[in-house]
Amino acid sequence: MSEILFLEYPKCSTCRKARTWLEQQGIAFADRHIVEQQPSAAELRDWQQRSGLPLRRFFNTSGMKYRELGLAAKLPGMSEEEQLALLATDGMLVKRPLLVTESAVIPGFREESWRAALGR
């Protein structure tokens, strides 16, 4: 299998849980701090298309930044390009952790989804 990319915010408890799970499964991965190396709009577009999920699933809707910006009310009136550009401005807006493999892109950690994507 090609390289697995794991995007995380190290202070996030769900990210720590996902990292521990990957390590316990013996899965090698490249780690990326989602705030220090935020995803570009092009990466996000590619990942969203590959995931088959609506773009809204890539927003961290429980985050402070999301609430501060009032995005629940604003996103429906924004184009997909505007949403991608906004997501690319701040890694704290992106749902995390984010697992990117050759065949799957999964925002958030659900063990059963990750297990299926990684053939475990």
Protein backbone atom coordinates (compact mmCIF):
# COMPACT_ATOMS: atom_id res chain seq x y z
CA MET A 1 0.00 0.00 0.00
CA SER A 2 1.23 3.51 -0.68
CA GLU A 3 1.85 5.96 2.10
CA ILE A 4 -0.92 6.76 4.56
CA LEU A 5 -1.30 10.38 5.57
CA PHE A 6 -2.60 11.18 9.05
CA LEU A 7 -3.54 14.82 9.61
CA GLU A 8 -3.98 15.73 13.24
CA TYR A 9 -4.02 18.46 15.84
CA PRO A 10 -1.89 16.95 18.65
CA LYS A 11 -3.90 18.57 21.46
CA CYS A 12 -7.14 16.98 20.16
CA SER A 13 -8.15 13.96 22.25
CA THR A 14 -9.80 12.23 19.28
CA CYS A 15 -6.60 12.70 17.26
CA ARG A 16 -4.55 11.16 20.08
CA LYS A 17 -6.99 8.22 20.23
CA ALA A 18 -6.72 7.71 16.46
CA ARG A 19 -2.90 7.90 16.55
CA THR A 20 -2.79 5.31 19.33
CA TRP A 21 -5.12 3.05 17.32
CA LEU A 22 -2.92 3.33 14.20
CA GLU A 23 0.18 2.53 16.26
CA GLN A 24 -1.51 -0.45 17.96
CA GLN A 25 -2.47 -1.79 14.52
CA GLY A 26 1.17 -1.52 13.41
CA ILE A 27 0.22 0.84 10.58
CA ALA A 28 2.98 3.05 9.25
CA PHE A 29 1.88 6.58 8.44
CA ALA A 30 3.13 10.05 7.65
CA ASP A 31 2.01 12.54 10.27
CA ARG A 32 1.02 16.13 9.51
CA HIS A 33 0.08 18.86 11.98
CA ILE A 34 -3.13 20.26 10.51
CA VAL A 35 -2.54 23.79 11.85
CA GLU A 36 1.20 24.14 11.17
CA GLN A 37 0.83 22.59 7.68
CA GLN A 38 -2.77 23.33 6.81
CA PRO A 39 -4.22 21.61 3.76
CA SER A 40 -4.40 23.63 0.56
CA ALA A 41 -7.66 24.23 -1.28
CA ALA A 42 -6.41 21.88 -4.03
CA GLU A 43 -5.69 19.09 -1.52
CA LEU A 44 -9.06 19.57 0.13
CA ARG A 45 -10.84 19.51 -3.25
CA ASP A 46 -9.04 16.28 -4.20
CA TRP A 47 -9.75 14.63 -0.83
CA GLN A 48 -13.39 15.67 -0.82
CA GLN A 49 -13.91 14.32 -4.34
CA ARG A 50 -12.13 11.07 -3.52
CA SER A 51 -14.12 10.62 -0.31
CA GLY A 52 -17.49 10.94 -2.03
CA LEU A 53 -18.66 12.97 0.97
CA PRO A 54 -20.28 16.41 0.89
CA LEU A 55 -17.84 19.23 1.56
CA ARG A 56 -19.63 20.15 4.79
CA ARG A 57 -18.29 16.90 6.31
CA PHE A 58 -14.79 18.39 6.12
CA PHE A 59 -15.68 21.27 8.45
CA ASN A 60 -14.97 20.98 12.17
CA THR A 61 -18.49 21.98 13.17
CA SER A 62 -17.78 21.56 16.88
CA GLY A 63 -14.76 23.86 16.84
CA MET A 64 -14.59 27.33 18.37
CA LYS A 65 -13.43 28.90 15.10
CA TYR A 66 -16.47 27.49 13.26
CA ARG A 67 -18.79 28.98 15.86
CA GLU A 68 -16.90 32.31 16.06
CA LEU A 69 -17.29 32.79 12.32
CA GLY A 70 -20.98 31.85 12.40
CA LEU A 71 -20.41 29.28 9.66
CA ALA A 72 -23.55 27.26 10.35
CA ALA A 73 -25.52 30.19 8.93
CA LYS A 74 -22.98 31.28 6.29
CA LEU A 75 -21.97 28.02 4.58
CA PRO A 76 -25.29 27.34 2.82
CA GLY A 77 -24.94 30.64 0.95
CA MET A 78 -21.33 30.05 -0.08
CA SER A 79 -20.14 28.38 -3.27
CA GLU A 80 -18.06 25.24 -3.01
CA GLU A 81 -14.99 27.20 -4.17
CA GLU A 82 -15.56 29.78 -1.41
CA GLN A 83 -15.92 27.00 1.14
CA LEU A 84 -12.70 25.33 -0.02
CA ALA A 85 -10.83 28.64 0.10
CA LEU A 86 -12.12 29.25 3.63
CA LEU A 87 -11.15 25.74 4.80
CA ALA A 88 -7.64 26.29 3.44
CA THR A 89 -7.16 29.44 5.54
CA ASP A 90 -7.14 27.70 8.92
CA GLY A 91 -6.44 24.09 9.85
CA MET A 92 -8.69 24.49 12.91
CA LEU A 93 -11.69 24.67 10.55
CA VAL A 94 -10.93 21.21 9.12
CA LYS A 95 -12.50 18.10 10.66
CA ARG A 96 -9.82 16.06 12.30
CA PRO A 97 -8.20 13.66 12.39
CA LEU A 98 -8.14 13.16 8.67
CA LEU A 99 -7.01 9.84 7.20
CA VAL A 100 -5.85 9.86 3.59
CA THR A 101 -4.95 6.61 1.83
CA GLU A 102 -4.70 5.62 -1.81
CA SER A 103 -8.29 4.38 -1.79
CA ALA A 104 -10.02 6.32 1.00
CA VAL A 105 -10.29 9.73 2.64
CA ILE A 106 -12.02 9.78 6.02
CA PRO A 107 -12.58 12.91 8.13
CA GLY A 108 -12.98 12.18 11.84
CA PHE A 109 -12.18 8.95 13.67
CA ARG A 110 -14.58 6.06 13.64
CA GLU A 111 -12.66 2.87 14.29
CA GLU A 112 -14.91 0.70 12.11
CA SER A 113 -14.50 3.05 9.10
CA TRP A 114 -10.75 3.23 9.53
CA ARG A 115 -10.51 -0.53 10.03
CA ALA A 116 -12.41 -1.13 6.75
CA ALA A 117 -10.34 1.45 4.83
CA LEU A 118 -7.08 -0.05 6.06
CA GLY A 119 -8.10 -3.68 5.63
CA ARG A 120 -7.95 -4.51 9.32
